[in-house]
Amino acid sequence: MNKVVNVVAGIIENEQNEILCALRSPIMSLPNRWEFPGGKIEAGENTFTAIEREIMEELGCTIQATEVFHINTHEYDSFTITLTCVKAAIVSGTPVASEHAKLIWLKRDSLESLNWAPADIPAVQELMRQ
């Protein structure tokens, strides 16, 4: 059985109703795939604390997590990921790609134009249905 990794991702929306999308760098696992930014939930953290910490570390801005949007478990070859997507808004700062190759803001109806990491696809589909 694969190791299960608990990951949280931010569905961060701006005032123009665009959603922040992050391109995984060529040196990351699943290189050159798009994802919602986030990372592993650490011991003792809840989902909201984890996403707020991860976004500060990865993108250098402060967010406020508001609600759990989607939970998906996806089995990759060497591990299984449980991805909890959380809706959030930027409180201060501007997202800057430090680990990712690129950040873009996209309208919901354009999300499917990107080559998403498999674990993120169900949340993308749910966002497009809304």
N, C-alpha and C. Protein backbone atom coordinates (compact mmCIF):
# COMPACT_ATOMS: atom_id res chain seq x y z
N MET A 1 0.84 -1.19 0.00
CA MET A 1 0.00 0.00 0.00
C MET A 1 0.87 1.25 0.00
N ASN A 2 0.49 2.23 -0.79
CA ASN A 2 1.23 3.48 -0.89
C ASN A 2 1.12 4.30 0.39
N LYS A 3 2.15 5.10 0.62
CA LYS A 3 2.11 6.06 1.71
C LYS A 3 1.07 7.12 1.39
N VAL A 4 0.24 7.49 2.38
CA VAL A 4 -0.78 8.52 2.19
C VAL A 4 -0.23 9.86 2.68
N VAL A 5 -0.30 10.87 1.83
CA VAL A 5 0.18 12.20 2.16
C VAL A 5 -1.03 13.13 2.20
N ASN A 6 -1.20 13.84 3.32
CA ASN A 6 -2.30 14.81 3.47
C ASN A 6 -1.81 16.18 3.05
N VAL A 7 -2.46 16.71 2.02
CA VAL A 7 -2.04 17.98 1.43
C VAL A 7 -3.24 18.93 1.41
N VAL A 8 -2.93 20.22 1.58
CA VAL A 8 -3.96 21.25 1.50
C VAL A 8 -3.59 22.21 0.37
N ALA A 9 -4.61 22.68 -0.35
CA ALA A 9 -4.38 23.61 -1.45
C ALA A 9 -5.36 24.76 -1.34
N GLY A 10 -4.91 25.94 -1.75
CA GLY A 10 -5.74 27.13 -1.67
C GLY A 10 -6.44 27.44 -2.97
N ILE A 11 -7.76 27.60 -2.89
CA ILE A 11 -8.54 28.14 -4.00
C ILE A 11 -8.65 29.63 -3.69
N ILE A 12 -7.68 30.40 -4.19
CA ILE A 12 -7.56 31.81 -3.85
C ILE A 12 -8.16 32.63 -4.99
N GLU A 13 -9.19 33.40 -4.64
CA GLU A 13 -9.90 34.18 -5.65
C GLU A 13 -9.67 35.67 -5.42
N ASN A 14 -9.53 36.43 -6.51
CA ASN A 14 -9.34 37.88 -6.38
C ASN A 14 -10.66 38.62 -6.65
N GLU A 15 -10.61 39.95 -6.62
CA GLU A 15 -11.83 40.76 -6.78
C GLU A 15 -12.44 40.62 -8.18
N GLN A 16 -11.65 40.20 -9.15
CA GLN A 16 -12.15 40.01 -10.52
C GLN A 16 -12.70 38.59 -10.74
N ASN A 17 -12.88 37.84 -9.65
CA ASN A 17 -13.37 36.46 -9.70
C ASN A 17 -12.44 35.54 -10.49
N GLU A 18 -11.14 35.84 -10.40
CA GLU A 18 -10.13 34.97 -11.00
C GLU A 18 -9.50 34.12 -9.91
N ILE A 19 -9.04 32.93 -10.28
CA ILE A 19 -8.47 31.98 -9.34
C ILE A 19 -6.98 31.83 -9.59
N LEU A 20 -6.21 31.81 -8.52
CA LEU A 20 -4.75 31.70 -8.62
C LEU A 20 -4.35 30.28 -8.96
N CYS A 21 -3.56 30.13 -10.03
CA CYS A 21 -3.07 28.83 -10.49
C CYS A 21 -1.54 28.88 -10.49
N ALA A 22 -0.92 27.77 -10.07
CA ALA A 22 0.53 27.72 -9.94
C ALA A 22 1.10 26.59 -10.79
N LEU A 23 2.14 26.91 -11.56
CA LEU A 23 2.81 25.92 -12.41
C LEU A 23 3.97 25.30 -11.65
N ARG A 24 3.93 23.96 -11.50
CA ARG A 24 5.01 23.26 -10.82
C ARG A 24 6.29 23.40 -11.64
N SER A 25 7.41 23.65 -10.96
CA SER A 25 8.67 23.86 -11.66
C SER A 25 9.19 22.54 -12.23
N PRO A 26 10.13 22.61 -13.18
CA PRO A 26 10.68 21.40 -13.79
C PRO A 26 11.40 20.48 -12.80
N ILE A 27 11.82 21.01 -11.63
CA ILE A 27 12.52 20.16 -10.66
C ILE A 27 11.60 19.55 -9.60
N MET A 28 10.33 19.93 -9.61
CA MET A 28 9.37 19.37 -8.66
C MET A 28 8.84 18.03 -9.19
N SER A 29 8.27 17.22 -8.28
CA SER A 29 7.55 16.05 -8.78
C SER A 29 6.36 16.57 -9.59
N LEU A 30 5.89 15.80 -10.53
CA LEU A 30 4.84 16.25 -11.46
C LEU A 30 5.23 17.58 -12.10
N PRO A 31 6.41 17.63 -12.74
CA PRO A 31 6.90 18.89 -13.30
C PRO A 31 5.97 19.42 -14.40
N ASN A 32 5.92 20.75 -14.48
CA ASN A 32 5.18 21.45 -15.53
C ASN A 32 3.69 21.14 -15.55
N ARG A 33 3.15 20.77 -14.40
CA ARG A 33 1.70 20.60 -14.25
C ARG A 33 1.20 21.74 -13.39
N TRP A 34 -0.03 22.14 -13.62
CA TRP A 34 -0.64 23.22 -12.84
C TRP A 34 -1.30 22.65 -11.60
N GLU A 35 -1.35 23.46 -10.57
CA GLU A 35 -1.98 23.07 -9.31
C GLU A 35 -2.49 24.32 -8.60
N PHE A 36 -3.32 24.05 -7.58
CA PHE A 36 -3.66 25.11 -6.65
C PHE A 36 -2.54 25.10 -5.61
N PRO A 37 -1.96 26.26 -5.27
CA PRO A 37 -0.81 26.27 -4.38
C PRO A 37 -1.14 25.79 -2.98
N GLY A 38 -0.15 25.19 -2.34
CA GLY A 38 -0.33 24.67 -0.99
C GLY A 38 0.79 23.71 -0.64
N GLY A 39 0.50 22.76 0.23
CA GLY A 39 1.53 21.80 0.63
C GLY A 39 1.03 20.86 1.70
N LYS A 40 1.98 20.14 2.28
CA LYS A 40 1.65 19.12 3.27
C LYS A 40 1.13 19.73 4.57
N ILE A 41 0.16 19.03 5.16
CA ILE A 41 -0.33 19.41 6.48
C ILE A 41 0.62 18.80 7.50
N GLU A 42 1.17 19.62 8.36
CA GLU A 42 2.13 19.15 9.35
C GLU A 42 1.42 18.68 10.62
N ALA A 43 2.12 17.87 11.40
CA ALA A 43 1.57 17.36 12.65
C ALA A 43 1.11 18.51 13.54
N GLY A 44 -0.09 18.38 14.09
CA GLY A 44 -0.62 19.40 14.99
C GLY A 44 -1.33 20.55 14.29
N GLU A 45 -1.31 20.58 12.96
CA GLU A 45 -1.98 21.66 12.23
C GLU A 45 -3.38 21.24 11.81
N ASN A 46 -4.28 22.21 11.77
CA ASN A 46 -5.56 21.93 11.12
C ASN A 46 -5.45 22.42 9.68
N THR A 47 -6.46 22.15 8.90
CA THR A 47 -6.44 22.47 7.47
C THR A 47 -6.21 23.96 7.23
N PHE A 48 -6.92 24.81 7.95
CA PHE A 48 -6.81 26.26 7.73
C PHE A 48 -5.44 26.79 8.13
N THR A 49 -4.93 26.34 9.27
CA THR A 49 -3.59 26.77 9.71
C THR A 49 -2.54 26.35 8.69
N ALA A 50 -2.67 25.13 8.17
CA ALA A 50 -1.70 24.61 7.21
C ALA A 50 -1.69 25.42 5.92
N ILE A 51 -2.87 25.73 5.36
CA ILE A 51 -2.88 26.48 4.09
C ILE A 51 -2.38 27.90 4.29
N GLU A 52 -2.72 28.51 5.40
CA GLU A 52 -2.24 29.87 5.66
C GLU A 52 -0.71 29.90 5.79
N ARG A 53 -0.15 28.89 6.47
CA ARG A 53 1.32 28.79 6.60
C ARG A 53 1.97 28.52 5.24
N GLU A 54 1.44 27.55 4.50
CA GLU A 54 2.02 27.17 3.22
C GLU A 54 2.03 28.34 2.23
N ILE A 55 0.95 29.10 2.16
CA ILE A 55 0.89 30.22 1.22
C ILE A 55 1.90 31.30 1.63
N MET A 56 2.04 31.54 2.93
CA MET A 56 3.04 32.51 3.37
C MET A 56 4.44 32.03 2.97
N GLU A 57 4.74 30.75 3.19
CA GLU A 57 6.06 30.21 2.85
C GLU A 57 6.32 30.19 1.35
N GLU A 58 5.35 29.75 0.57
CA GLU A 58 5.55 29.56 -0.87
C GLU A 58 5.35 30.83 -1.69
N LEU A 59 4.40 31.68 -1.29
CA LEU A 59 4.03 32.82 -2.12
C LEU A 59 4.27 34.17 -1.47
N GLY A 60 4.63 34.17 -0.17
CA GLY A 60 4.98 35.41 0.52
C GLY A 60 3.83 36.37 0.75
N CYS A 61 2.61 35.84 0.85
CA CYS A 61 1.47 36.71 1.15
C CYS A 61 0.60 36.06 2.23
N THR A 62 -0.23 36.87 2.84
CA THR A 62 -1.10 36.40 3.91
C THR A 62 -2.50 36.17 3.34
N ILE A 63 -3.05 34.99 3.66
CA ILE A 63 -4.42 34.69 3.24
C ILE A 63 -5.27 34.38 4.46
N GLN A 64 -6.57 34.44 4.25
CA GLN A 64 -7.54 33.99 5.25
C GLN A 64 -8.32 32.86 4.63
N ALA A 65 -8.20 31.66 5.23
CA ALA A 65 -8.97 30.50 4.77
C ALA A 65 -10.40 30.64 5.27
N THR A 66 -11.37 30.34 4.39
CA THR A 66 -12.77 30.56 4.76
C THR A 66 -13.60 29.29 4.84
N GLU A 67 -13.38 28.33 3.92
CA GLU A 67 -14.17 27.11 3.96
C GLU A 67 -13.49 26.00 3.16
N VAL A 68 -13.75 24.76 3.58
CA VAL A 68 -13.28 23.62 2.81
C VAL A 68 -14.17 23.52 1.57
N PHE A 69 -13.55 23.47 0.41
CA PHE A 69 -14.28 23.45 -0.86
C PHE A 69 -14.42 22.04 -1.43
N HIS A 70 -13.34 21.26 -1.39
CA HIS A 70 -13.34 19.96 -2.05
C HIS A 70 -12.27 19.07 -1.42
N ILE A 71 -12.58 17.77 -1.29
CA ILE A 71 -11.59 16.80 -0.80
C ILE A 71 -11.53 15.67 -1.82
N ASN A 72 -10.31 15.30 -2.22
CA ASN A 72 -10.12 14.24 -3.20
C ASN A 72 -8.92 13.39 -2.80
N THR A 73 -9.07 12.07 -2.94
CA THR A 73 -7.94 11.17 -2.74
C THR A 73 -7.54 10.62 -4.10
N HIS A 74 -6.26 10.76 -4.42
CA HIS A 74 -5.75 10.32 -5.72
C HIS A 74 -4.53 9.43 -5.51
N GLU A 75 -4.52 8.30 -6.19
CA GLU A 75 -3.40 7.36 -6.06
C GLU A 75 -2.43 7.56 -7.22
N TYR A 76 -1.22 7.99 -6.88
CA TYR A 76 -0.14 8.07 -7.86
C TYR A 76 0.63 6.74 -7.79
N ASP A 77 1.66 6.58 -8.62
CA ASP A 77 2.42 5.33 -8.63
C ASP A 77 3.07 5.00 -7.29
N SER A 78 3.70 5.99 -6.67
CA SER A 78 4.48 5.71 -5.47
C SER A 78 3.87 6.25 -4.17
N PHE A 79 2.78 6.99 -4.25
CA PHE A 79 2.13 7.52 -3.04
C PHE A 79 0.67 7.84 -3.35
N THR A 80 -0.09 8.02 -2.29
CA THR A 80 -1.49 8.43 -2.41
C THR A 80 -1.63 9.78 -1.72
N ILE A 81 -2.35 10.68 -2.37
CA ILE A 81 -2.52 12.02 -1.82
C ILE A 81 -3.99 12.23 -1.48
N THR A 82 -4.23 12.76 -0.28
CA THR A 82 -5.55 13.27 0.05
C THR A 82 -5.43 14.78 0.01
N LEU A 83 -6.08 15.37 -1.00
CA LEU A 83 -5.97 16.80 -1.25
C LEU A 83 -7.24 17.50 -0.77
N THR A 84 -7.06 18.38 0.20
CA THR A 84 -8.17 19.20 0.70
C THR A 84 -8.00 20.60 0.14
N CYS A 85 -8.94 21.01 -0.70
CA CYS A 85 -8.91 22.35 -1.29
C CYS A 85 -9.76 23.29 -0.43
N VAL A 86 -9.17 24.42 -0.08
CA VAL A 86 -9.78 25.38 0.83
C VAL A 86 -9.94 26.72 0.12
N LYS A 87 -11.12 27.30 0.18
CA LYS A 87 -11.32 28.64 -0.37
C LYS A 87 -10.64 29.64 0.56
N ALA A 88 -10.02 30.65 -0.05
CA ALA A 88 -9.28 31.63 0.73
C ALA A 88 -9.20 32.94 -0.03
N ALA A 89 -8.90 33.99 0.70
CA ALA A 89 -8.72 35.32 0.11
C ALA A 89 -7.42 35.92 0.62
N ILE A 90 -6.79 36.72 -0.22
CA ILE A 90 -5.56 37.40 0.19
C ILE A 90 -5.91 38.55 1.12
N VAL A 91 -5.22 38.59 2.26
CA VAL A 91 -5.42 39.64 3.25
C VAL A 91 -4.37 40.73 3.07
N SER A 92 -3.12 40.33 2.80
CA SER A 92 -2.06 41.31 2.55
C SER A 92 -0.97 40.69 1.69
N GLY A 93 -0.32 41.56 0.93
CA GLY A 93 0.76 41.12 0.06
C GLY A 93 0.26 40.70 -1.32
N THR A 94 1.22 40.40 -2.18
CA THR A 94 0.95 39.93 -3.54
C THR A 94 1.67 38.61 -3.73
N PRO A 95 1.00 37.58 -4.25
CA PRO A 95 1.66 36.29 -4.44
C PRO A 95 2.86 36.40 -5.39
N VAL A 96 3.97 35.79 -4.98
CA VAL A 96 5.19 35.76 -5.78
C VAL A 96 5.63 34.30 -5.88
N ALA A 97 5.94 33.85 -7.09
CA ALA A 97 6.38 32.47 -7.29
C ALA A 97 7.82 32.31 -6.83
N SER A 98 8.02 31.59 -5.72
CA SER A 98 9.39 31.31 -5.27
C SER A 98 9.75 29.85 -5.54
N GLU A 99 8.79 28.95 -5.38
CA GLU A 99 9.02 27.53 -5.66
C GLU A 99 8.44 27.13 -7.01
N HIS A 100 7.37 27.78 -7.42
CA HIS A 100 6.71 27.46 -8.68
C HIS A 100 7.38 28.19 -9.84
N ALA A 101 7.19 27.66 -11.06
CA ALA A 101 7.74 28.29 -12.26
C ALA A 101 6.97 29.53 -12.64
N LYS A 102 5.65 29.55 -12.32
CA LYS A 102 4.81 30.65 -12.77
C LYS A 102 3.52 30.67 -11.97
N LEU A 103 2.95 31.85 -11.80
CA LEU A 103 1.62 32.03 -11.21
C LEU A 103 0.77 32.81 -12.20
N ILE A 104 -0.50 32.40 -12.35
CA ILE A 104 -1.42 33.17 -13.19
C ILE A 104 -2.79 33.21 -12.51
N TRP A 105 -3.56 34.23 -12.86
CA TRP A 105 -4.95 34.35 -12.42
C TRP A 105 -5.83 34.00 -13.61
N LEU A 106 -6.79 33.10 -13.41
CA LEU A 106 -7.67 32.67 -14.50
C LEU A 106 -9.13 32.69 -14.07
N LYS A 107 -10.00 33.03 -15.01
CA LYS A 107 -11.45 32.89 -14.78
C LYS A 107 -11.79 31.40 -14.74
N ARG A 108 -12.87 31.06 -14.04
CA ARG A 108 -13.29 29.67 -13.90
C ARG A 108 -13.44 28.96 -15.24
N ASP A 109 -14.05 29.65 -16.21
CA ASP A 109 -14.32 28.98 -17.49
C ASP A 109 -13.06 28.74 -18.32
N SER A 110 -11.91 29.25 -17.88
CA SER A 110 -10.65 29.01 -18.58
C SER A 110 -9.77 27.98 -17.88
N LEU A 111 -10.18 27.51 -16.71
CA LEU A 111 -9.34 26.60 -15.93
C LEU A 111 -8.98 25.33 -16.69
N GLU A 112 -9.91 24.80 -17.47
CA GLU A 112 -9.63 23.53 -18.15
C GLU A 112 -8.60 23.66 -19.27
N SER A 113 -8.18 24.88 -19.59
CA SER A 113 -7.17 25.08 -20.63
C SER A 113 -5.76 24.68 -20.15
N LEU A 114 -5.60 24.49 -18.85
CA LEU A 114 -4.28 24.16 -18.29
C LEU A 114 -4.10 22.65 -18.12
N ASN A 115 -2.85 22.22 -18.08
CA ASN A 115 -2.50 20.82 -17.87
C ASN A 115 -2.31 20.58 -16.36
N TRP A 116 -3.40 20.20 -15.70
CA TRP A 116 -3.44 20.10 -14.25
C TRP A 116 -2.83 18.81 -13.72
N ALA A 117 -2.29 18.87 -12.49
CA ALA A 117 -1.88 17.67 -11.76
C ALA A 117 -3.15 16.84 -11.52
N PRO A 118 -3.08 15.53 -11.68
CA PRO A 118 -4.28 14.70 -11.58
C PRO A 118 -5.10 14.89 -10.31
N ALA A 119 -4.46 15.08 -9.16
CA ALA A 119 -5.20 15.23 -7.90
C ALA A 119 -6.04 16.50 -7.87
N ASP A 120 -5.65 17.52 -8.64
CA ASP A 120 -6.37 18.80 -8.66
C ASP A 120 -7.57 18.81 -9.61
N ILE A 121 -7.62 17.88 -10.55
CA ILE A 121 -8.64 17.91 -11.60
C ILE A 121 -10.07 17.88 -11.06
N PRO A 122 -10.42 17.04 -10.08
CA PRO A 122 -11.81 17.08 -9.58
C PRO A 122 -12.21 18.44 -9.01
N ALA A 123 -11.31 19.14 -8.34
CA ALA A 123 -11.63 20.48 -7.81
C ALA A 123 -11.80 21.47 -8.96
N VAL A 124 -10.98 21.35 -10.00
CA VAL A 124 -11.11 22.21 -11.18
C VAL A 124 -12.50 22.01 -11.80
N GLN A 125 -12.89 20.76 -11.95
CA GLN A 125 -14.20 20.46 -12.54
C GLN A 125 -15.34 21.01 -11.69
N GLU A 126 -15.21 20.90 -10.37
CA GLU A 126 -16.23 21.43 -9.47
C GLU A 126 -16.31 22.95 -9.57
N LEU A 127 -15.17 23.62 -9.64
CA LEU A 127 -15.14 25.08 -9.78
C LEU A 127 -15.83 25.51 -11.07
N MET A 128 -15.60 24.77 -12.14
CA MET A 128 -16.18 25.14 -13.43
C MET A 128 -17.69 24.91 -13.46
N ARG A 129 -18.19 24.01 -12.62
CA ARG A 129 -19.63 23.76 -12.54
C ARG A 129 -20.36 24.86 -11.79
N GLN A 130 -19.66 25.59 -10.95
CA GLN A 130 -20.30 26.63 -10.12
C GLN A 130 -20.67 27.86 -10.90
